[in-house]
Amino acid sequence: MEYTPYLWLFAGVIFIIAELVTVGFVLLWFGVGAIAAGVLALLHVGLGLQVVAFLLVSVALTVASRTIFEKFFMRNAPGGGLRTGMDSLPGQIGMVVQASQGALNEAAVKVYGSTWTAFPVPGEEPLREGEQVEVDRVEGAVLYVRRLTAPTPWRQESLQ
């Protein structure tokens, strides 16, 4: 059929546009697979091979990208899993934006652009505004932090 290449190419463009409005990262690879099948259709390859190429390219790129992205975003989580959200906070560096107050030494700490209620870990002195701290643990919506004495240069640059 003489319009088959255009159907594949149209489907590829639709998949890629749909990727822009979805949360996942899968439709892009099906778009690339459809474009690959469209190129084969332009070369007058049979429909069966076009479908096989579409499936192979789509699945191979999806599997490869998941593997690469998972390794890229992997953090040292308990059990070796991917840490996200609050689980990714321990070990992160923050800045005290409001000094410790009251009997419990409650402070406010900014980590990843969000301000959290924070307490110094037991044995630490009250937190002062402008100090850099490292998140020790998270309990509920509260961070327990310890003061950084002298951050390494690469951490200092990432905080600015």
N, C-alpha and C. Protein backbone atom coordinates (compact mmCIF):
# COMPACT_ATOMS: atom_id res chain seq x y z
N MET A 1 0.84 -1.17 0.00
CA MET A 1 0.00 0.00 0.00
C MET A 1 0.88 1.23 0.00
N GLU A 2 0.53 2.18 -0.82
CA GLU A 2 1.40 3.35 -0.98
C GLU A 2 1.29 4.35 0.16
N TYR A 3 0.30 4.24 1.01
CA TYR A 3 0.17 5.20 2.11
C TYR A 3 0.71 4.63 3.44
N THR A 4 1.16 3.39 3.46
CA THR A 4 1.67 2.76 4.69
C THR A 4 2.82 3.54 5.33
N PRO A 5 3.82 4.00 4.55
CA PRO A 5 4.91 4.75 5.20
C PRO A 5 4.41 5.98 5.95
N TYR A 6 3.43 6.64 5.38
CA TYR A 6 2.91 7.85 6.00
C TYR A 6 2.12 7.54 7.28
N LEU A 7 1.46 6.39 7.30
CA LEU A 7 0.77 5.97 8.52
C LEU A 7 1.77 5.71 9.65
N TRP A 8 2.86 5.00 9.32
CA TRP A 8 3.90 4.75 10.33
C TRP A 8 4.50 6.06 10.82
N LEU A 9 4.84 6.94 9.90
CA LEU A 9 5.46 8.21 10.29
C LEU A 9 4.49 9.06 11.11
N PHE A 10 3.23 9.06 10.72
CA PHE A 10 2.22 9.79 11.48
C PHE A 10 2.08 9.21 12.89
N ALA A 11 2.04 7.87 12.97
CA ALA A 11 1.95 7.22 14.29
C ALA A 11 3.17 7.56 15.14
N GLY A 12 4.35 7.60 14.52
CA GLY A 12 5.57 7.96 15.25
C GLY A 12 5.49 9.36 15.82
N VAL A 13 5.02 10.29 15.03
CA VAL A 13 4.89 11.68 15.49
C VAL A 13 3.85 11.77 16.62
N ILE A 14 2.75 11.04 16.48
CA ILE A 14 1.71 11.04 17.52
C ILE A 14 2.27 10.48 18.83
N PHE A 15 3.02 9.37 18.75
CA PHE A 15 3.63 8.80 19.96
C PHE A 15 4.57 9.81 20.62
N ILE A 16 5.38 10.48 19.83
CA ILE A 16 6.34 11.44 20.38
C ILE A 16 5.62 12.63 21.02
N ILE A 17 4.58 13.13 20.37
CA ILE A 17 3.81 14.24 20.95
C ILE A 17 3.11 13.78 22.23
N ALA A 18 2.57 12.56 22.22
CA ALA A 18 1.91 12.03 23.42
C ALA A 18 2.91 11.90 24.57
N GLU A 19 4.16 11.60 24.26
CA GLU A 19 5.20 11.51 25.30
C GLU A 19 5.36 12.84 26.04
N LEU A 20 5.19 13.93 25.31
CA LEU A 20 5.37 15.25 25.91
C LEU A 20 4.32 15.57 26.96
N VAL A 21 3.16 14.93 26.89
CA VAL A 21 2.08 15.24 27.82
C VAL A 21 1.81 14.13 28.84
N THR A 22 2.65 13.10 28.86
CA THR A 22 2.48 12.02 29.83
C THR A 22 3.62 12.04 30.83
N VAL A 23 3.42 11.33 31.93
CA VAL A 23 4.40 11.31 33.00
C VAL A 23 5.52 10.31 32.72
N GLY A 24 5.21 9.18 32.15
CA GLY A 24 6.21 8.13 31.91
C GLY A 24 7.19 8.50 30.82
N PHE A 25 8.11 7.57 30.57
CA PHE A 25 9.10 7.79 29.52
C PHE A 25 9.14 6.54 28.67
N VAL A 26 8.03 6.22 28.00
CA VAL A 26 7.93 5.01 27.21
C VAL A 26 7.48 5.32 25.78
N LEU A 27 6.52 6.21 25.63
CA LEU A 27 5.93 6.46 24.31
C LEU A 27 6.94 6.97 23.30
N LEU A 28 7.97 7.67 23.77
CA LEU A 28 9.01 8.16 22.86
C LEU A 28 9.61 7.02 22.06
N TRP A 29 9.89 5.91 22.74
CA TRP A 29 10.54 4.79 22.06
C TRP A 29 9.60 4.11 21.07
N PHE A 30 8.32 4.10 21.34
CA PHE A 30 7.37 3.56 20.37
C PHE A 30 7.27 4.50 19.17
N GLY A 31 7.42 5.80 19.41
CA GLY A 31 7.48 6.75 18.30
C GLY A 31 8.69 6.50 17.42
N VAL A 32 9.84 6.26 18.04
CA VAL A 32 11.05 5.97 17.27
C VAL A 32 10.88 4.66 16.50
N GLY A 33 10.27 3.66 17.15
CA GLY A 33 10.01 2.39 16.47
C GLY A 33 9.08 2.55 15.28
N ALA A 34 8.05 3.38 15.42
CA ALA A 34 7.13 3.62 14.30
C ALA A 34 7.83 4.35 13.16
N ILE A 35 8.70 5.29 13.49
CA ILE A 35 9.45 5.99 12.44
C ILE A 35 10.39 5.02 11.73
N ALA A 36 11.02 4.10 12.48
CA ALA A 36 11.89 3.09 11.86
C ALA A 36 11.07 2.21 10.91
N ALA A 37 9.88 1.82 11.33
CA ALA A 37 9.01 1.03 10.46
C ALA A 37 8.59 1.83 9.24
N GLY A 38 8.36 3.14 9.41
CA GLY A 38 8.02 4.00 8.28
C GLY A 38 9.14 4.09 7.27
N VAL A 39 10.37 4.15 7.75
CA VAL A 39 11.53 4.18 6.84
C VAL A 39 11.59 2.87 6.06
N LEU A 40 11.37 1.75 6.73
CA LEU A 40 11.35 0.46 6.02
C LEU A 40 10.22 0.42 5.00
N ALA A 41 9.08 0.99 5.32
CA ALA A 41 7.96 1.02 4.37
C ALA A 41 8.32 1.85 3.15
N LEU A 42 9.05 2.95 3.37
CA LEU A 42 9.50 3.76 2.23
C LEU A 42 10.45 2.98 1.32
N LEU A 43 11.17 2.01 1.92
CA LEU A 43 12.10 1.17 1.15
C LEU A 43 11.40 -0.06 0.58
N HIS A 44 10.07 -0.11 0.69
CA HIS A 44 9.23 -1.18 0.14
C HIS A 44 9.50 -2.54 0.78
N VAL A 45 9.80 -2.53 2.08
CA VAL A 45 9.94 -3.78 2.83
C VAL A 45 8.54 -4.23 3.22
N GLY A 46 8.33 -5.54 3.31
CA GLY A 46 7.01 -6.09 3.60
C GLY A 46 6.45 -5.64 4.95
N LEU A 47 5.11 -5.68 5.05
CA LEU A 47 4.43 -5.23 6.26
C LEU A 47 4.83 -6.05 7.49
N GLY A 48 5.04 -7.35 7.31
CA GLY A 48 5.44 -8.20 8.43
C GLY A 48 6.76 -7.74 9.03
N LEU A 49 7.74 -7.44 8.19
CA LEU A 49 9.03 -6.96 8.68
C LEU A 49 8.91 -5.56 9.29
N GLN A 50 8.01 -4.76 8.78
CA GLN A 50 7.79 -3.43 9.36
C GLN A 50 7.30 -3.56 10.80
N VAL A 51 6.33 -4.46 11.01
CA VAL A 51 5.78 -4.68 12.35
C VAL A 51 6.86 -5.24 13.28
N VAL A 52 7.65 -6.19 12.77
CA VAL A 52 8.73 -6.76 13.58
C VAL A 52 9.74 -5.67 13.95
N ALA A 53 10.11 -4.83 12.99
CA ALA A 53 11.05 -3.74 13.26
C ALA A 53 10.48 -2.77 14.29
N PHE A 54 9.20 -2.44 14.14
CA PHE A 54 8.54 -1.55 15.11
C PHE A 54 8.63 -2.13 16.52
N LEU A 55 8.28 -3.40 16.66
CA LEU A 55 8.29 -4.02 17.98
C LEU A 55 9.71 -4.15 18.54
N LEU A 56 10.65 -4.60 17.71
CA LEU A 56 12.03 -4.78 18.18
C LEU A 56 12.66 -3.46 18.61
N VAL A 57 12.53 -2.43 17.78
CA VAL A 57 13.12 -1.13 18.12
C VAL A 57 12.47 -0.56 19.37
N SER A 58 11.16 -0.63 19.45
CA SER A 58 10.44 -0.06 20.60
C SER A 58 10.81 -0.76 21.90
N VAL A 59 10.77 -2.08 21.89
CA VAL A 59 11.06 -2.84 23.11
C VAL A 59 12.53 -2.71 23.49
N ALA A 60 13.43 -2.79 22.51
CA ALA A 60 14.86 -2.69 22.81
C ALA A 60 15.20 -1.33 23.41
N LEU A 61 14.67 -0.26 22.84
CA LEU A 61 14.96 1.08 23.38
C LEU A 61 14.33 1.28 24.76
N THR A 62 13.14 0.73 24.97
CA THR A 62 12.49 0.85 26.28
C THR A 62 13.31 0.13 27.35
N VAL A 63 13.73 -1.10 27.07
CA VAL A 63 14.53 -1.86 28.03
C VAL A 63 15.87 -1.18 28.27
N ALA A 64 16.53 -0.74 27.21
CA ALA A 64 17.84 -0.09 27.35
C ALA A 64 17.73 1.20 28.15
N SER A 65 16.71 2.00 27.87
CA SER A 65 16.59 3.27 28.59
C SER A 65 16.26 3.05 30.06
N ARG A 66 15.43 2.07 30.37
CA ARG A 66 15.13 1.79 31.78
C ARG A 66 16.39 1.38 32.53
N THR A 67 17.20 0.54 31.90
CA THR A 67 18.44 0.09 32.53
C THR A 67 19.38 1.26 32.75
N ILE A 68 19.56 2.08 31.74
CA ILE A 68 20.48 3.22 31.84
C ILE A 68 19.97 4.23 32.86
N PHE A 69 18.70 4.59 32.79
CA PHE A 69 18.16 5.59 33.71
C PHE A 69 18.15 5.08 35.15
N GLU A 70 17.85 3.80 35.34
CA GLU A 70 17.84 3.26 36.70
C GLU A 70 19.23 3.33 37.30
N LYS A 71 20.26 3.00 36.53
CA LYS A 71 21.63 3.08 37.04
C LYS A 71 22.03 4.54 37.27
N PHE A 72 21.60 5.43 36.39
CA PHE A 72 21.96 6.84 36.51
C PHE A 72 21.35 7.47 37.75
N PHE A 73 20.10 7.13 38.04
CA PHE A 73 19.40 7.74 39.17
C PHE A 73 19.47 6.91 40.45
N MET A 74 20.18 5.79 40.39
CA MET A 74 20.26 4.90 41.55
C MET A 74 21.01 5.57 42.69
N ARG A 75 20.49 5.43 43.88
CA ARG A 75 21.16 5.92 45.09
C ARG A 75 21.32 4.73 46.02
N ASN A 76 22.14 4.87 47.02
CA ASN A 76 22.41 3.77 47.95
C ASN A 76 21.24 3.58 48.91
N ALA A 77 20.20 2.99 48.41
CA ALA A 77 19.02 2.74 49.24
C ALA A 77 19.15 1.40 49.94
N PRO A 78 18.47 1.23 51.06
CA PRO A 78 18.47 -0.08 51.71
C PRO A 78 17.94 -1.12 50.73
N GLY A 79 18.65 -2.19 50.58
CA GLY A 79 18.24 -3.23 49.64
C GLY A 79 18.62 -2.92 48.21
N GLY A 80 19.31 -1.83 47.95
CA GLY A 80 19.78 -1.51 46.61
C GLY A 80 18.72 -0.94 45.69
N GLY A 81 17.57 -0.53 46.21
CA GLY A 81 16.52 0.00 45.36
C GLY A 81 16.71 1.47 45.05
N LEU A 82 15.85 1.98 44.23
CA LEU A 82 15.87 3.39 43.85
C LEU A 82 15.19 4.20 44.94
N ARG A 83 15.90 5.19 45.49
CA ARG A 83 15.34 6.03 46.55
C ARG A 83 14.76 7.29 45.94
N THR A 84 13.51 7.57 46.29
CA THR A 84 12.85 8.78 45.81
C THR A 84 12.12 9.43 46.97
N GLY A 85 11.68 10.65 46.77
CA GLY A 85 10.90 11.36 47.78
C GLY A 85 11.65 11.49 49.09
N MET A 86 10.94 11.26 50.18
CA MET A 86 11.53 11.42 51.51
C MET A 86 12.64 10.40 51.76
N ASP A 87 12.58 9.24 51.13
CA ASP A 87 13.63 8.24 51.31
C ASP A 87 14.97 8.71 50.78
N SER A 88 14.97 9.67 49.87
CA SER A 88 16.23 10.15 49.29
C SER A 88 16.86 11.26 50.12
N LEU A 89 16.19 11.75 51.16
CA LEU A 89 16.70 12.88 51.93
C LEU A 89 17.89 12.57 52.83
N PRO A 90 17.95 11.43 53.54
CA PRO A 90 19.12 11.20 54.39
C PRO A 90 20.42 11.27 53.58
N GLY A 91 21.36 12.05 54.12
CA GLY A 91 22.64 12.26 53.44
C GLY A 91 22.68 13.51 52.58
N GLN A 92 21.52 14.13 52.34
CA GLN A 92 21.48 15.34 51.53
C GLN A 92 21.88 16.56 52.36
N ILE A 93 22.37 17.58 51.67
CA ILE A 93 22.84 18.80 52.32
C ILE A 93 21.74 19.85 52.25
N GLY A 94 21.57 20.58 53.35
CA GLY A 94 20.59 21.65 53.40
C GLY A 94 21.16 22.88 54.08
N MET A 95 20.35 23.93 54.13
CA MET A 95 20.76 25.20 54.73
C MET A 95 19.73 25.59 55.78
N VAL A 96 20.20 25.97 56.96
CA VAL A 96 19.30 26.42 58.03
C VAL A 96 18.79 27.81 57.65
N VAL A 97 17.47 27.95 57.52
CA VAL A 97 16.88 29.24 57.15
C VAL A 97 16.23 29.93 58.34
N GLN A 98 16.03 29.18 59.43
CA GLN A 98 15.53 29.77 60.67
C GLN A 98 16.21 29.05 61.82
N ALA A 99 16.86 29.80 62.69
CA ALA A 99 17.64 29.23 63.80
C ALA A 99 16.75 28.45 64.76
N SER A 100 17.39 27.57 65.53
CA SER A 100 16.69 26.77 66.54
C SER A 100 16.01 27.68 67.56
N GLN A 101 14.80 27.26 67.96
CA GLN A 101 14.02 28.03 68.93
C GLN A 101 13.36 27.07 69.89
N GLY A 102 13.03 27.56 71.05
CA GLY A 102 12.24 26.80 72.01
C GLY A 102 13.03 25.70 72.70
N ALA A 103 12.32 24.99 73.56
CA ALA A 103 12.93 23.94 74.36
C ALA A 103 13.41 22.76 73.51
N LEU A 104 12.75 22.55 72.37
CA LEU A 104 13.12 21.41 71.51
C LEU A 104 14.13 21.78 70.43
N ASN A 105 14.55 23.05 70.38
CA ASN A 105 15.50 23.52 69.36
C ASN A 105 14.96 23.32 67.94
N GLU A 106 13.68 23.62 67.75
CA GLU A 106 13.06 23.48 66.43
C GLU A 106 13.61 24.54 65.49
N ALA A 107 14.00 24.12 64.28
CA ALA A 107 14.54 25.03 63.28
C ALA A 107 13.84 24.78 61.95
N ALA A 108 14.18 25.60 60.96
CA ALA A 108 13.69 25.39 59.60
C ALA A 108 14.91 25.21 58.70
N VAL A 109 14.87 24.16 57.88
CA VAL A 109 15.99 23.83 57.00
C VAL A 109 15.46 23.69 55.58
N LYS A 110 16.19 24.26 54.63
CA LYS A 110 15.80 24.15 53.22
C LYS A 110 16.67 23.07 52.56
N VAL A 111 16.00 22.06 51.99
CA VAL A 111 16.65 20.97 51.27
C VAL A 111 15.93 20.80 49.95
N TYR A 112 16.65 20.79 48.85
CA TYR A 112 16.05 20.64 47.51
C TYR A 112 14.95 21.67 47.26
N GLY A 113 15.11 22.86 47.78
CA GLY A 113 14.14 23.92 47.53
C GLY A 113 12.91 23.89 48.41
N SER A 114 12.77 22.87 49.27
CA SER A 114 11.64 22.78 50.19
C SER A 114 12.10 23.06 51.61
N THR A 115 11.28 23.78 52.36
CA THR A 115 11.61 24.09 53.74
C THR A 115 10.96 23.06 54.66
N TRP A 116 11.76 22.50 55.54
CA TRP A 116 11.33 21.44 56.45
C TRP A 116 11.52 21.88 57.90
N THR A 117 10.67 21.37 58.78
CA THR A 117 10.92 21.50 60.21
C THR A 117 12.06 20.55 60.54
N ALA A 118 13.03 21.05 61.31
CA ALA A 118 14.20 20.22 61.60
C ALA A 118 14.63 20.38 63.05
N PHE A 119 15.22 19.33 63.55
CA PHE A 119 15.80 19.32 64.89
C PHE A 119 17.24 18.84 64.78
N PRO A 120 18.12 19.36 65.62
CA PRO A 120 19.47 18.80 65.64
C PRO A 120 19.43 17.39 66.24
N VAL A 121 20.29 16.50 65.73
CA VAL A 121 20.35 15.15 66.30
C VAL A 121 20.79 15.27 67.76
N PRO A 122 20.42 14.32 68.61
CA PRO A 122 20.82 14.39 70.02
C PRO A 122 22.34 14.56 70.15
N GLY A 123 22.72 15.47 71.03
CA GLY A 123 24.14 15.74 71.25
C GLY A 123 24.66 16.93 70.45
N GLU A 124 23.88 17.41 69.48
CA GLU A 124 24.29 18.57 68.68
C GLU A 124 23.81 19.85 69.35
N GLU A 125 24.54 20.92 69.11
CA GLU A 125 24.14 22.23 69.62
C GLU A 125 22.98 22.77 68.78
N PRO A 126 22.25 23.78 69.28
CA PRO A 126 21.18 24.39 68.49
C PRO A 126 21.70 24.90 67.15
N LEU A 127 20.84 24.86 66.15
CA LEU A 127 21.22 25.27 64.79
C LEU A 127 21.14 26.78 64.64
N ARG A 128 22.08 27.35 63.90
CA ARG A 128 22.09 28.79 63.64
C ARG A 128 21.77 29.04 62.17
N GLU A 129 21.09 30.13 61.91
CA GLU A 129 20.72 30.50 60.55
C GLU A 129 21.97 30.61 59.67
N GLY A 130 21.87 30.07 58.45
CA GLY A 130 22.98 30.13 57.49
C GLY A 130 23.91 28.94 57.55
N GLU A 131 23.78 28.08 58.56
CA GLU A 131 24.65 26.91 58.66
C GLU A 131 24.23 25.85 57.65
N GLN A 132 25.22 25.10 57.20
CA GLN A 132 24.94 23.97 56.33
C GLN A 132 24.82 22.72 57.19
N VAL A 133 23.81 21.91 56.88
CA VAL A 133 23.55 20.71 57.66
C VAL A 133 23.37 19.53 56.72
N GLU A 134 23.56 18.35 57.27
CA GLU A 134 23.32 17.11 56.53
C GLU A 134 22.16 16.38 57.20
N VAL A 135 21.24 15.89 56.39
CA VAL A 135 20.08 15.19 56.92
C VAL A 135 20.53 13.82 57.44
N ASP A 136 20.26 13.57 58.71
CA ASP A 136 20.61 12.30 59.33
C ASP A 136 19.49 11.28 59.13
N ARG A 137 18.27 11.71 59.41
CA ARG A 137 17.11 10.82 59.24
C ARG A 137 15.84 11.65 59.11
N VAL A 138 14.78 10.98 58.67
CA VAL A 138 13.47 11.61 58.54
C VAL A 138 12.49 10.83 59.41
N GLU A 139 11.75 11.55 60.23
CA GLU A 139 10.69 10.92 61.03
C GLU A 139 9.42 11.70 60.79
N GLY A 140 8.48 11.09 60.10
CA GLY A 140 7.26 11.79 59.71
C GLY A 140 7.60 12.90 58.74
N ALA A 141 7.24 14.13 59.11
CA ALA A 141 7.56 15.28 58.26
C ALA A 141 8.63 16.15 58.91
N VAL A 142 9.47 15.52 59.73
CA VAL A 142 10.52 16.25 60.46
C VAL A 142 11.88 15.67 60.10
N LEU A 143 12.84 16.56 59.87
CA LEU A 143 14.21 16.13 59.60
C LEU A 143 15.04 16.23 60.87
N TYR A 144 15.91 15.28 61.07
CA TYR A 144 16.92 15.35 62.11
C TYR A 144 18.24 15.54 61.38
N VAL A 145 18.93 16.63 61.72
CA VAL A 145 20.11 17.03 60.95
C VAL A 145 21.32 17.18 61.86
N ARG A 146 22.50 17.09 61.23
CA ARG A 146 23.74 17.37 61.94
C ARG A 146 24.50 18.44 61.16
N ARG A 147 25.15 19.29 61.88
CA ARG A 147 25.90 20.42 61.32
C ARG A 147 27.09 19.90 60.52
N LEU A 148 27.34 20.52 59.38
CA LEU A 148 28.54 20.22 58.61
C LEU A 148 29.64 21.15 59.09
N THR A 149 30.77 20.57 59.42
CA THR A 149 31.86 21.42 59.91
C THR A 149 32.57 22.11 58.75
N ALA A 150 32.99 21.36 57.77
CA ALA A 150 33.66 21.96 56.61
C ALA A 150 33.29 21.13 55.39
N PRO A 151 32.33 21.59 54.59
CA PRO A 151 31.92 20.80 53.43
C PRO A 151 33.05 20.72 52.41
N THR A 152 33.07 19.60 51.71
CA THR A 152 34.07 19.45 50.66
C THR A 152 33.78 20.45 49.56
N PRO A 153 34.79 20.85 48.78
CA PRO A 153 34.59 21.89 47.76
C PRO A 153 33.49 21.55 46.76
N TRP A 154 33.38 20.30 46.33
CA TRP A 154 32.35 19.98 45.33
C TRP A 154 30.95 20.09 45.93
N ARG A 155 30.80 19.82 47.22
CA ARG A 155 29.49 20.01 47.85
C ARG A 155 29.19 21.49 48.01
N GLN A 156 30.20 22.27 48.32
CA GLN A 156 30.03 23.71 48.49
C GLN A 156 29.49 24.32 47.19
N GLU A 157 30.07 23.91 46.04
CA GLU A 157 29.64 24.45 44.74
C GLU A 157 28.20 24.06 44.45
N SER A 158 27.79 22.85 44.82
CA SER A 158 26.43 22.40 44.51
C SER A 158 25.39 23.12 45.34
N LEU A 159 25.79 23.73 46.45
CA LEU A 159 24.83 24.44 47.30
C LEU A 159 24.59 25.86 46.84
N GLN A 160 25.43 26.38 46.00
CA GLN A 160 25.30 27.78 45.59
C GLN A 160 24.40 27.94 44.40
